[in-house]
Amino acid sequence: MSHDRPFIGSALVEAKDTRFLGLLTRTLTRIPPGAPPLRTVRRVTLRRRGRMAGLVGLTIWGDLAYGVEGRSGASDEIRGGRQTLSFYTELLNQLSEDAYVGVIAHELAHAWLNEHVVPENSRAREVEADALARRWGFGEELDALEQETEPI
């Protein structure tokens, strides 16, 4: 399915789960209108489980998983770059709607930071993504996520 929301453009959304699609739409409609859109997100996928235990979402730039390997030279890569946002139902389905939206907002923030700010391979990027999602107005959802999960 092609998703035509201005913030993620025409990224291909590979999901049939109505809960996920509804919460993705709910999250996208709350991104502040002045936030520059994502141009490099090509796919948003929903899968049963990730490679690591406890994984609920992952942003991948090209073939490299963010947080696993870093990259540099963002300006050259943005022109031809591509990002995939993957979400995993095994744990997402155990979360409240607020915490679920918190996960989606956090991964969208990672993608935005990857595109608009040169990413770093560090734990600080998790904090930065949460801070951006909070500035977008997802504080309650991130608080719910923190209460319902343990960091990995």
N, C-alpha and C. Protein backbone atom coordinates (compact mmCIF):
# COMPACT_ATOMS: atom_id res chain seq x y z
N MET A 1 0.85 -1.17 0.00
CA MET A 1 0.00 0.00 0.00
C MET A 1 0.90 1.23 0.00
N SER A 2 0.60 2.20 -0.81
CA SER A 2 1.33 3.45 -0.83
C SER A 2 0.65 4.41 0.14
N HIS A 3 1.42 5.06 0.96
CA HIS A 3 0.90 5.94 1.98
C HIS A 3 1.21 7.37 1.59
N ASP A 4 0.21 8.18 1.36
CA ASP A 4 0.44 9.53 0.86
C ASP A 4 0.23 10.57 1.96
N ARG A 5 1.00 10.49 3.01
CA ARG A 5 1.00 11.50 4.07
C ARG A 5 2.18 12.41 3.79
N PRO A 6 2.00 13.71 3.89
CA PRO A 6 3.10 14.63 3.57
C PRO A 6 4.40 14.35 4.33
N PHE A 7 4.32 13.94 5.60
CA PHE A 7 5.55 13.77 6.38
C PHE A 7 6.40 12.62 5.87
N ILE A 8 5.79 11.52 5.40
CA ILE A 8 6.58 10.41 4.87
C ILE A 8 6.41 10.27 3.36
N GLY A 9 5.77 11.23 2.74
CA GLY A 9 5.63 11.22 1.28
C GLY A 9 4.95 9.97 0.78
N SER A 10 5.51 9.37 -0.22
CA SER A 10 4.89 8.20 -0.83
C SER A 10 5.57 6.90 -0.41
N ALA A 11 6.07 6.86 0.82
CA ALA A 11 6.71 5.64 1.32
C ALA A 11 5.73 4.47 1.22
N LEU A 12 6.25 3.32 0.87
CA LEU A 12 5.46 2.11 0.79
C LEU A 12 5.24 1.58 2.21
N VAL A 13 3.97 1.44 2.60
CA VAL A 13 3.64 0.90 3.91
C VAL A 13 3.23 -0.55 3.72
N GLU A 14 4.07 -1.45 4.23
CA GLU A 14 3.83 -2.89 4.09
C GLU A 14 3.25 -3.44 5.38
N ALA A 15 1.93 -3.27 5.52
CA ALA A 15 1.25 -3.73 6.71
C ALA A 15 -0.24 -3.84 6.41
N LYS A 16 -0.84 -4.87 6.96
CA LYS A 16 -2.28 -5.05 6.81
C LYS A 16 -3.00 -4.93 8.15
N ASP A 17 -2.23 -4.88 9.22
CA ASP A 17 -2.77 -4.82 10.58
C ASP A 17 -3.48 -3.48 10.79
N THR A 18 -4.78 -3.52 11.06
CA THR A 18 -5.56 -2.28 11.17
C THR A 18 -5.16 -1.45 12.38
N ARG A 19 -4.75 -2.11 13.47
CA ARG A 19 -4.31 -1.35 14.64
C ARG A 19 -3.06 -0.55 14.30
N PHE A 20 -2.08 -1.20 13.70
CA PHE A 20 -0.85 -0.51 13.32
C PHE A 20 -1.15 0.65 12.36
N LEU A 21 -1.93 0.38 11.31
CA LEU A 21 -2.22 1.42 10.32
C LEU A 21 -2.94 2.62 10.96
N GLY A 22 -3.87 2.33 11.86
CA GLY A 22 -4.57 3.41 12.55
C GLY A 22 -3.66 4.23 13.43
N LEU A 23 -2.77 3.55 14.17
CA LEU A 23 -1.87 4.27 15.06
C LEU A 23 -0.76 4.99 14.29
N LEU A 24 -0.33 4.44 13.16
CA LEU A 24 0.62 5.14 12.30
C LEU A 24 -0.01 6.44 11.79
N THR A 25 -1.23 6.34 11.31
CA THR A 25 -1.93 7.53 10.81
C THR A 25 -2.12 8.54 11.93
N ARG A 26 -2.53 8.07 13.11
CA ARG A 26 -2.71 8.96 14.26
C ARG A 26 -1.41 9.68 14.59
N THR A 27 -0.30 8.98 14.54
CA THR A 27 1.00 9.58 14.84
C THR A 27 1.38 10.60 13.77
N LEU A 28 1.23 10.23 12.51
CA LEU A 28 1.61 11.13 11.42
C LEU A 28 0.81 12.42 11.42
N THR A 29 -0.46 12.35 11.80
CA THR A 29 -1.28 13.56 11.81
C THR A 29 -0.90 14.51 12.93
N ARG A 30 -0.13 14.03 13.89
CA ARG A 30 0.29 14.88 15.01
C ARG A 30 1.67 15.48 14.84
N ILE A 31 2.40 15.10 13.80
CA ILE A 31 3.71 15.73 13.55
C ILE A 31 3.44 17.20 13.25
N PRO A 32 4.15 18.12 13.89
CA PRO A 32 3.89 19.54 13.65
C PRO A 32 4.00 19.89 12.16
N PRO A 33 3.06 20.70 11.67
CA PRO A 33 3.04 21.04 10.24
C PRO A 33 4.33 21.68 9.73
N GLY A 34 5.08 22.37 10.56
CA GLY A 34 6.31 23.02 10.12
C GLY A 34 7.52 22.10 10.07
N ALA A 35 7.38 20.84 10.52
CA ALA A 35 8.52 19.91 10.51
C ALA A 35 8.85 19.54 9.07
N PRO A 36 10.10 19.74 8.64
CA PRO A 36 10.46 19.33 7.28
C PRO A 36 10.17 17.84 7.08
N PRO A 37 9.58 17.47 5.97
CA PRO A 37 9.20 16.06 5.75
C PRO A 37 10.40 15.17 5.50
N LEU A 38 10.14 13.88 5.60
CA LEU A 38 11.14 12.87 5.30
C LEU A 38 11.11 12.59 3.80
N ARG A 39 12.27 12.66 3.18
CA ARG A 39 12.36 12.37 1.74
C ARG A 39 13.00 11.02 1.48
N THR A 40 13.64 10.44 2.50
CA THR A 40 14.41 9.23 2.27
C THR A 40 13.74 7.96 2.78
N VAL A 41 12.60 8.09 3.45
CA VAL A 41 11.91 6.88 3.92
C VAL A 41 11.21 6.26 2.72
N ARG A 42 11.64 5.05 2.39
CA ARG A 42 11.08 4.34 1.24
C ARG A 42 10.05 3.30 1.65
N ARG A 43 10.24 2.71 2.86
CA ARG A 43 9.35 1.64 3.30
C ARG A 43 9.08 1.76 4.80
N VAL A 44 7.87 1.39 5.16
CA VAL A 44 7.49 1.21 6.55
C VAL A 44 6.93 -0.20 6.61
N THR A 45 7.56 -1.06 7.41
CA THR A 45 7.15 -2.46 7.44
C THR A 45 6.69 -2.87 8.83
N LEU A 46 5.85 -3.88 8.84
CA LEU A 46 5.39 -4.48 10.08
C LEU A 46 5.70 -5.96 10.01
N ARG A 47 6.43 -6.43 11.00
CA ARG A 47 6.83 -7.84 11.05
C ARG A 47 6.49 -8.42 12.41
N ARG A 48 6.56 -9.72 12.49
CA ARG A 48 6.24 -10.39 13.77
C ARG A 48 7.30 -10.11 14.83
N ARG A 49 8.58 -10.36 14.51
CA ARG A 49 9.63 -10.15 15.52
C ARG A 49 10.92 -9.71 14.85
N GLY A 50 11.74 -9.04 15.65
CA GLY A 50 13.04 -8.57 15.16
C GLY A 50 14.14 -9.55 15.49
N ARG A 51 15.34 -9.21 15.06
CA ARG A 51 16.51 -10.07 15.28
C ARG A 51 16.98 -10.07 16.73
N MET A 52 16.72 -8.97 17.45
CA MET A 52 17.16 -8.88 18.84
C MET A 52 15.94 -9.01 19.76
N ALA A 53 16.13 -9.67 20.88
CA ALA A 53 15.06 -9.79 21.86
C ALA A 53 14.67 -8.41 22.36
N GLY A 54 13.40 -8.17 22.51
CA GLY A 54 12.92 -6.89 23.04
C GLY A 54 12.79 -5.79 22.01
N LEU A 55 13.03 -6.07 20.76
CA LEU A 55 12.99 -5.05 19.71
C LEU A 55 11.54 -4.75 19.31
N VAL A 56 11.16 -3.47 19.35
CA VAL A 56 9.82 -3.08 18.90
C VAL A 56 9.86 -2.26 17.63
N GLY A 57 10.98 -1.58 17.38
CA GLY A 57 11.10 -0.77 16.18
C GLY A 57 12.56 -0.58 15.82
N LEU A 58 12.83 -0.38 14.54
CA LEU A 58 14.20 -0.21 14.06
C LEU A 58 14.19 0.65 12.81
N THR A 59 15.08 1.63 12.76
CA THR A 59 15.24 2.46 11.58
C THR A 59 16.52 2.03 10.88
N ILE A 60 16.41 1.70 9.61
CA ILE A 60 17.56 1.23 8.84
C ILE A 60 17.84 2.21 7.70
N TRP A 61 19.08 2.66 7.60
CA TRP A 61 19.51 3.53 6.50
C TRP A 61 20.18 2.63 5.48
N GLY A 62 19.65 2.56 4.27
CA GLY A 62 20.22 1.69 3.25
C GLY A 62 20.17 0.27 3.76
N ASP A 63 21.31 -0.39 3.83
CA ASP A 63 21.37 -1.74 4.34
C ASP A 63 21.97 -1.80 5.74
N LEU A 64 22.21 -0.63 6.36
CA LEU A 64 22.83 -0.59 7.67
C LEU A 64 21.79 -0.25 8.72
N ALA A 65 21.71 -1.02 9.77
CA ALA A 65 20.79 -0.74 10.87
C ALA A 65 21.38 0.38 11.70
N TYR A 66 20.59 1.44 11.93
CA TYR A 66 21.07 2.52 12.78
C TYR A 66 21.30 1.96 14.17
N GLY A 67 22.40 2.33 14.78
CA GLY A 67 22.73 1.84 16.10
C GLY A 67 23.62 0.61 16.02
N VAL A 68 23.72 0.00 14.85
CA VAL A 68 24.59 -1.15 14.65
C VAL A 68 25.86 -0.70 13.97
N GLU A 69 25.72 0.11 12.92
CA GLU A 69 26.87 0.67 12.23
C GLU A 69 26.57 2.12 11.91
N GLY A 70 27.56 2.98 12.00
CA GLY A 70 27.36 4.40 11.71
C GLY A 70 27.58 4.70 10.25
N ARG A 71 27.35 5.95 9.88
CA ARG A 71 27.63 6.40 8.52
C ARG A 71 28.07 7.84 8.60
N SER A 72 28.71 8.32 7.55
CA SER A 72 29.12 9.71 7.51
C SER A 72 28.82 10.26 6.13
N GLY A 73 29.06 11.55 5.94
CA GLY A 73 28.80 12.16 4.64
C GLY A 73 27.33 12.23 4.32
N ALA A 74 26.51 12.69 5.25
CA ALA A 74 25.06 12.66 5.08
C ALA A 74 24.58 13.37 3.83
N SER A 75 25.17 14.50 3.47
CA SER A 75 24.64 15.25 2.34
C SER A 75 24.65 14.45 1.05
N ASP A 76 25.71 13.69 0.78
CA ASP A 76 25.76 12.85 -0.42
C ASP A 76 24.75 11.71 -0.33
N GLU A 77 24.60 11.12 0.84
CA GLU A 77 23.72 9.96 0.98
C GLU A 77 22.25 10.36 0.98
N ILE A 78 21.94 11.57 1.44
CA ILE A 78 20.54 11.98 1.47
C ILE A 78 19.96 12.03 0.07
N ARG A 79 20.74 12.51 -0.88
CA ARG A 79 20.25 12.61 -2.26
C ARG A 79 19.78 11.27 -2.80
N GLY A 80 20.54 10.21 -2.55
CA GLY A 80 20.17 8.90 -3.06
C GLY A 80 19.84 7.93 -1.93
N GLY A 81 19.74 8.46 -0.72
CA GLY A 81 19.55 7.60 0.44
C GLY A 81 18.17 6.99 0.54
N ARG A 82 18.10 5.98 1.36
CA ARG A 82 16.82 5.34 1.61
C ARG A 82 16.81 4.82 3.03
N GLN A 83 15.66 4.96 3.66
CA GLN A 83 15.49 4.45 5.01
C GLN A 83 14.27 3.53 5.03
N THR A 84 14.36 2.53 5.89
CA THR A 84 13.23 1.64 6.15
C THR A 84 12.93 1.70 7.63
N LEU A 85 11.67 1.87 7.97
CA LEU A 85 11.24 1.82 9.36
C LEU A 85 10.52 0.49 9.54
N SER A 86 11.02 -0.32 10.46
CA SER A 86 10.41 -1.63 10.73
C SER A 86 9.86 -1.64 12.14
N PHE A 87 8.67 -2.21 12.28
CA PHE A 87 8.01 -2.35 13.57
C PHE A 87 7.67 -3.82 13.77
N TYR A 88 7.68 -4.27 15.03
CA TYR A 88 7.55 -5.69 15.33
C TYR A 88 6.38 -5.94 16.28
N THR A 89 5.40 -6.70 15.79
CA THR A 89 4.15 -6.90 16.52
C THR A 89 4.29 -7.74 17.78
N GLU A 90 5.29 -8.60 17.84
CA GLU A 90 5.42 -9.49 19.00
C GLU A 90 5.36 -8.71 20.31
N LEU A 91 6.05 -7.59 20.39
CA LEU A 91 6.01 -6.77 21.60
C LEU A 91 5.07 -5.58 21.47
N LEU A 92 4.94 -5.01 20.29
CA LEU A 92 4.04 -3.87 20.12
C LEU A 92 2.63 -4.20 20.57
N ASN A 93 2.17 -5.40 20.26
CA ASN A 93 0.80 -5.78 20.60
C ASN A 93 0.58 -5.92 22.10
N GLN A 94 1.64 -5.91 22.88
CA GLN A 94 1.53 -5.97 24.33
C GLN A 94 1.44 -4.58 24.95
N LEU A 95 1.63 -3.55 24.13
CA LEU A 95 1.66 -2.18 24.62
C LEU A 95 0.28 -1.52 24.54
N SER A 96 0.08 -0.52 25.38
CA SER A 96 -1.11 0.32 25.28
C SER A 96 -1.02 1.13 24.00
N GLU A 97 -2.12 1.74 23.60
CA GLU A 97 -2.10 2.58 22.39
C GLU A 97 -1.12 3.74 22.54
N ASP A 98 -1.09 4.36 23.73
CA ASP A 98 -0.16 5.48 23.93
C ASP A 98 1.29 5.04 23.78
N ALA A 99 1.66 3.92 24.38
CA ALA A 99 3.04 3.43 24.28
C ALA A 99 3.36 3.04 22.84
N TYR A 100 2.41 2.44 22.15
CA TYR A 100 2.57 2.05 20.74
C TYR A 100 2.86 3.30 19.89
N VAL A 101 2.09 4.35 20.10
CA VAL A 101 2.32 5.61 19.38
C VAL A 101 3.69 6.18 19.75
N GLY A 102 4.09 6.00 21.01
CA GLY A 102 5.43 6.45 21.43
C GLY A 102 6.53 5.77 20.62
N VAL A 103 6.37 4.47 20.36
CA VAL A 103 7.35 3.73 19.55
C VAL A 103 7.39 4.30 18.13
N ILE A 104 6.23 4.50 17.54
CA ILE A 104 6.16 5.02 16.16
C ILE A 104 6.80 6.41 16.10
N ALA A 105 6.45 7.29 17.04
CA ALA A 105 7.01 8.65 17.05
C ALA A 105 8.52 8.60 17.22
N HIS A 106 9.01 7.72 18.08
CA HIS A 106 10.45 7.59 18.32
C HIS A 106 11.17 7.17 17.03
N GLU A 107 10.64 6.19 16.31
CA GLU A 107 11.29 5.74 15.07
C GLU A 107 11.20 6.80 13.97
N LEU A 108 10.09 7.52 13.89
CA LEU A 108 10.00 8.64 12.94
C LEU A 108 11.04 9.71 13.28
N ALA A 109 11.25 9.94 14.58
CA ALA A 109 12.26 10.92 15.00
C ALA A 109 13.66 10.45 14.59
N HIS A 110 13.95 9.15 14.75
CA HIS A 110 15.24 8.62 14.28
C HIS A 110 15.41 8.90 12.78
N ALA A 111 14.39 8.59 11.99
CA ALA A 111 14.49 8.80 10.55
C ALA A 111 14.70 10.27 10.22
N TRP A 112 14.00 11.15 10.92
CA TRP A 112 14.13 12.58 10.68
C TRP A 112 15.54 13.04 11.04
N LEU A 113 16.05 12.59 12.18
CA LEU A 113 17.41 12.97 12.59
C LEU A 113 18.44 12.43 11.60
N ASN A 114 18.24 11.19 11.12
CA ASN A 114 19.17 10.62 10.14
C ASN A 114 19.22 11.46 8.88
N GLU A 115 18.11 12.01 8.50
CA GLU A 115 18.05 12.77 7.25
C GLU A 115 18.45 14.23 7.42
N HIS A 116 18.06 14.85 8.50
CA HIS A 116 18.25 16.28 8.68
C HIS A 116 19.42 16.65 9.59
N VAL A 117 19.97 15.68 10.32
CA VAL A 117 21.11 15.90 11.19
C VAL A 117 22.01 14.68 11.01
N VAL A 118 23.30 14.89 10.78
CA VAL A 118 24.20 13.75 10.57
C VAL A 118 24.13 12.84 11.79
N PRO A 119 23.79 11.57 11.60
CA PRO A 119 23.65 10.67 12.75
C PRO A 119 24.99 10.25 13.33
N GLU A 120 24.94 9.90 14.58
CA GLU A 120 26.11 9.38 15.27
C GLU A 120 25.78 7.99 15.76
N ASN A 121 26.78 7.17 15.85
CA ASN A 121 26.60 5.82 16.36
C ASN A 121 26.83 5.85 17.86
N SER A 122 25.78 6.24 18.60
CA SER A 122 25.94 6.37 20.04
C SER A 122 24.61 6.21 20.76
N ARG A 123 24.69 5.94 22.02
CA ARG A 123 23.50 5.84 22.88
C ARG A 123 22.81 7.19 22.95
N ALA A 124 23.57 8.28 22.78
CA ALA A 124 22.99 9.62 22.84
C ALA A 124 21.91 9.81 21.78
N ARG A 125 21.99 9.10 20.67
CA ARG A 125 21.01 9.25 19.60
C ARG A 125 19.61 8.81 20.06
N GLU A 126 19.56 7.81 20.95
CA GLU A 126 18.26 7.39 21.51
C GLU A 126 17.64 8.53 22.29
N VAL A 127 18.45 9.21 23.09
CA VAL A 127 17.98 10.35 23.87
C VAL A 127 17.54 11.47 22.94
N GLU A 128 18.32 11.71 21.89
CA GLU A 128 18.00 12.76 20.93
C GLU A 128 16.68 12.46 20.20
N ALA A 129 16.45 11.21 19.83
CA ALA A 129 15.20 10.84 19.16
C ALA A 129 14.01 11.03 20.11
N ASP A 130 14.17 10.64 21.37
CA ASP A 130 13.10 10.86 22.35
C ASP A 130 12.84 12.35 22.54
N ALA A 131 13.90 13.15 22.61
CA ALA A 131 13.73 14.59 22.80
C ALA A 131 12.98 15.22 21.62
N LEU A 132 13.31 14.80 20.40
CA LEU A 132 12.61 15.32 19.23
C LEU A 132 11.15 14.90 19.25
N ALA A 133 10.87 13.63 19.54
CA ALA A 133 9.49 13.16 19.61
C ALA A 133 8.72 13.92 20.69
N ARG A 134 9.35 14.24 21.80
CA ARG A 134 8.70 15.04 22.86
C ARG A 134 8.40 16.46 22.35
N ARG A 135 9.35 17.05 21.61
CA ARG A 135 9.10 18.39 21.05
C ARG A 135 7.94 18.36 20.06
N TRP A 136 7.74 17.23 19.39
CA TRP A 136 6.61 17.08 18.47
C TRP A 136 5.29 16.87 19.22
N GLY A 137 5.35 16.70 20.55
CA GLY A 137 4.13 16.56 21.35
C GLY A 137 3.79 15.15 21.78
N PHE A 138 4.75 14.23 21.76
CA PHE A 138 4.49 12.84 22.12
C PHE A 138 5.03 12.47 23.50
N GLY A 139 5.09 13.43 24.42
CA GLY A 139 5.61 13.18 25.76
C GLY A 139 4.82 12.13 26.53
N GLU A 140 3.49 12.24 26.53
CA GLU A 140 2.67 11.27 27.27
C GLU A 140 2.87 9.86 26.73
N GLU A 141 2.96 9.74 25.42
CA GLU A 141 3.14 8.43 24.80
C GLU A 141 4.50 7.83 25.14
N LEU A 142 5.53 8.65 25.14
CA LEU A 142 6.87 8.16 25.50
C LEU A 142 6.94 7.80 26.98
N ASP A 143 6.23 8.56 27.83
CA ASP A 143 6.16 8.22 29.24
C ASP A 143 5.49 6.86 29.41
N ALA A 144 4.39 6.63 28.68
CA ALA A 144 3.70 5.34 28.75
C ALA A 144 4.62 4.22 28.30
N LEU A 145 5.38 4.46 27.22
CA LEU A 145 6.33 3.45 26.73
C LEU A 145 7.37 3.12 27.78
N GLU A 146 7.91 4.14 28.44
CA GLU A 146 8.92 3.90 29.48
C GLU A 146 8.34 3.10 30.64
N GLN A 147 7.08 3.36 31.00
CA GLN A 147 6.45 2.64 32.11
C GLN A 147 6.16 1.19 31.76
N GLU A 148 5.91 0.90 30.48
CA GLU A 148 5.51 -0.43 30.07
C GLU A 148 6.64 -1.33 29.59
N THR A 149 7.83 -0.78 29.44
CA THR A 149 8.94 -1.56 28.90
C THR A 149 10.20 -1.35 29.72
N GLU A 150 11.16 -2.22 29.47
CA GLU A 150 12.49 -2.08 30.05
C GLU A 150 13.46 -1.80 28.93
N PRO A 151 14.41 -0.87 29.12
CA PRO A 151 15.37 -0.60 28.04
C PRO A 151 16.24 -1.82 27.76
N ILE A 152 16.62 -1.96 26.47
CA ILE A 152 17.50 -3.07 26.10
C ILE A 152 18.88 -2.57 25.79
